[in-house]
Protein backbone atom coordinates (compact mmCIF):
# COMPACT_ATOMS: atom_id res chain seq x y z
CA UNK A 1 11.10 19.05 4.24
CA UNK A 2 10.61 21.58 6.91
CA UNK A 3 9.75 24.22 4.36
CA UNK A 4 7.00 22.00 2.94
CA UNK A 5 5.56 21.30 6.34
CA UNK A 6 5.70 25.00 7.26
CA UNK A 7 3.84 25.72 4.03
CA UNK A 8 1.04 23.39 5.17
CA UNK A 9 1.96 19.97 3.91
CA UNK A 10 0.57 17.33 6.35
CA UNK A 11 2.79 14.58 5.29
CA UNK A 12 6.09 13.95 3.32
CA UNK A 13 6.80 11.34 0.74
CA UNK A 14 10.44 10.45 0.38
CA UNK A 15 11.70 8.65 -2.69
CA UNK A 16 15.22 7.46 -3.41
CA UNK A 17 16.80 7.72 -6.79
CA UNK A 18 16.09 4.35 -8.63
CA UNK A 19 18.27 3.17 -11.36
CA UNK A 20 16.54 2.15 -14.59
CA UNK A 21 16.10 3.53 -18.10
CA UNK A 22 18.16 6.61 -18.51
CA UNK A 23 18.81 6.59 -14.87
CA UNK A 24 21.47 3.98 -15.43
CA UNK A 25 23.49 6.65 -16.95
CA UNK A 26 23.34 8.66 -13.65
CA UNK A 27 23.97 6.00 -10.97
CA UNK A 28 26.11 8.69 -9.23
CA UNK A 29 22.69 10.07 -7.97
CA UNK A 30 22.09 6.90 -6.03
CA UNK A 31 22.52 7.15 -2.27
CA UNK A 32 24.91 4.80 -0.50
CA UNK A 33 23.87 3.12 2.90
CA UNK A 34 25.36 5.97 4.98
CA UNK A 35 23.66 8.69 3.00
CA UNK A 36 20.26 6.87 3.20
CA UNK A 37 20.59 6.34 6.92
CA UNK A 38 21.32 10.15 7.23
CA UNK A 39 18.28 10.87 5.14
CA UNK A 40 15.91 8.72 7.25
CA UNK A 41 17.35 10.04 10.51
CA UNK A 42 16.90 13.69 9.30
CA UNK A 43 13.43 12.96 8.09
CA UNK A 44 12.45 11.34 11.35
CA UNK A 45 13.84 14.22 13.26
CA UNK A 46 12.02 16.92 11.22
CA UNK A 47 8.69 14.96 11.30
CA UNK A 48 8.97 14.46 15.00
CA UNK A 49 9.61 18.16 15.60
CA UNK A 50 6.64 19.04 13.41
CA UNK A 51 4.42 16.29 14.86
CA UNK A 52 3.73 15.05 11.39
CA UNK A 53 4.23 11.85 9.53
CA UNK A 54 5.84 10.66 6.40
CA UNK A 55 6.46 7.61 4.16
CA UNK A 56 9.38 6.07 2.21
CA UNK A 57 7.99 5.24 -1.19
CA UNK A 58 10.24 2.32 -2.04
CA UNK A 59 10.86 -0.63 0.30
CA UNK A 60 14.13 -0.87 2.13
CA UNK A 61 15.94 -3.82 3.48
CA UNK A 62 16.29 -4.51 7.22
CA UNK A 63 20.00 -4.59 6.54
CA UNK A 64 19.86 -0.89 5.59
CA UNK A 65 17.45 0.40 8.14
CA UNK A 66 15.69 -0.41 11.25
CA UNK A 67 11.97 0.37 10.60
CA UNK A 68 11.12 0.02 14.30
CA UNK A 69 13.16 3.09 15.18
CA UNK A 70 11.09 5.39 12.89
CA UNK A 71 8.03 6.59 14.77
CA UNK A 72 6.98 9.33 12.35
CA UNK A 73 8.34 7.93 9.18
CA UNK A 74 6.85 4.69 7.69
CA UNK A 75 9.35 2.52 6.08
CA UNK A 76 8.23 -0.63 4.34
CA UNK A 77 10.46 -3.64 3.95
CA UNK A 78 8.23 -5.86 1.66
CA UNK A 79 7.70 -5.39 -1.96
CA UNK A 80 4.21 -4.66 -2.88
CA UNK A 81 4.69 -5.17 -6.74
CA UNK A 82 1.90 -7.47 -8.15
CA UNK A 83 0.55 -8.01 -4.71
CA UNK A 84 -0.53 -4.47 -3.54
CA UNK A 85 -0.58 -2.73 -6.83
CA UNK A 86 0.72 -2.92 -10.47
CA UNK A 87 1.15 -0.45 -13.25
CA UNK A 88 -0.37 -0.09 -16.80
CA UNK A 89 2.21 1.86 -18.84
CA UNK A 90 1.34 4.54 -21.33
CA UNK A 91 1.20 1.84 -24.13
CA UNK A 92 -1.32 -0.11 -22.20
CA UNK A 93 0.96 -2.85 -20.95
CA UNK A 94 0.91 -4.32 -17.42
CA UNK A 95 4.08 -4.13 -15.45
CA UNK A 96 4.31 -5.43 -11.81
CA UNK A 97 5.46 -1.96 -10.70
CA UNK A 98 6.55 1.48 -11.92
CA UNK A 99 10.20 0.46 -11.65
CA UNK A 100 9.87 -2.64 -13.86
CA UNK A 101 11.07 -2.59 -17.32
CA UNK A 102 9.23 -5.86 -18.09
CA UNK A 103 6.01 -5.57 -20.00
CA UNK A 104 3.72 -8.56 -19.19
CA UNK A 105 0.57 -8.41 -21.09
CA UNK A 106 -1.71 -5.69 -22.58
CA UNK A 107 -4.36 -4.49 -20.20
CA UNK A 108 -6.99 -6.13 -22.39
CA UNK A 109 -5.59 -9.44 -21.25
CA UNK A 110 -5.69 -8.51 -17.54
CA UNK A 111 -7.58 -11.60 -16.62
CA UNK A 112 -4.51 -13.76 -17.76
CA UNK A 113 -1.80 -11.76 -15.90
CA UNK A 114 -2.05 -14.07 -12.80
CA UNK A 115 -0.74 -16.83 -15.03
CA UNK A 116 2.29 -14.90 -16.21
CA UNK A 117 5.56 -16.47 -14.93
CA UNK A 118 6.96 -13.06 -14.04
CA UNK A 119 3.83 -12.04 -12.17
CA UNK A 120 3.97 -15.26 -10.22
CA UNK A 121 7.65 -14.57 -9.07
CA UNK A 122 6.24 -11.59 -7.23
CA UNK A 123 3.02 -13.11 -5.85
CA UNK A 124 4.92 -16.17 -4.63
CA UNK A 125 7.79 -13.95 -3.27
CA UNK A 126 10.31 -16.23 -5.00
CA UNK A 127 12.95 -13.67 -5.53
CA UNK A 128 15.07 -13.36 -2.31
CA UNK A 129 18.78 -13.26 -2.68
CA UNK A 130 20.59 -16.28 -1.54
CA UNK A 131 22.31 -14.34 1.18
CA UNK A 132 18.87 -13.51 2.76
CA UNK A 133 17.72 -17.07 3.03
CA UNK A 134 17.70 -17.99 6.75
CA UNK A 135 17.78 -14.40 7.92
CA UNK A 136 15.67 -13.79 10.96
CA UNK A 137 13.91 -11.01 9.05
CA UNK A 138 13.33 -12.90 5.80
CA UNK A 139 9.53 -13.44 6.50
CA UNK A 140 8.95 -9.65 6.61
CA UNK A 141 11.78 -8.32 4.40
CA UNK A 142 12.29 -8.52 0.63
CA UNK A 143 15.74 -7.11 0.57
CA UNK A 144 14.68 -3.72 -0.71
CA UNK A 145 13.43 -3.04 -4.32
CA UNK A 146 13.39 -6.16 -6.26
CA UNK A 147 13.21 -4.25 -9.71
CA UNK A 148 16.18 -2.21 -8.77
CA UNK A 149 18.04 -5.26 -7.95
CA UNK A 150 16.96 -6.83 -11.21
CA UNK A 151 17.99 -3.86 -13.40
CA UNK A 152 21.35 -3.41 -11.66
CA UNK A 153 22.24 -6.97 -10.87
CA UNK A 154 20.60 -8.75 -13.86
CA UNK A 155 18.07 -10.90 -11.97
CA UNK A 156 15.38 -10.61 -9.31
CA UNK A 157 17.54 -12.61 -6.79
CA UNK A 158 20.29 -9.95 -7.01
CA UNK A 159 20.97 -7.68 -4.07
CA UNK A 160 19.30 -4.30 -3.86
CA UNK A 161 21.83 -1.65 -5.20
CA UNK A 162 22.03 -0.19 -1.67
CA UNK A 163 23.73 -3.43 -0.46
CA UNK A 164 26.21 -3.78 -3.20
């Protein structure tokens, strides 16, 4: 990170390894909670020292990190899939996000996507794991990446792999 900043980058985008597709064969690349915390702490320190800012690309659970302690690193805790963005894959099919394996409709049917049951799960935020219900952060936390949870756990209500 420091090298990128010294070379002139004005911000940093951090990504964590996400299981899915062929990535399921390489789950050993996934960070555990301790490694993720170390990554975030290191990034915050580097960014603070350089007086720059950065972003974590995939939302994280409040159970994994404390976004409030990050002053230079923006960490989201709510899923933006189907709410803030969506993806059209190379074949022209709409997906709720780039991590999703679920093709909803072809882009030519875009006007009907809001009726799709899978799309509605995201817009209604009806996907929290049962262990999150009643949590003081549940109104501003979606327990990490819902699609990573779905891919690894088999359903949207599964825990983010970082919490398993």
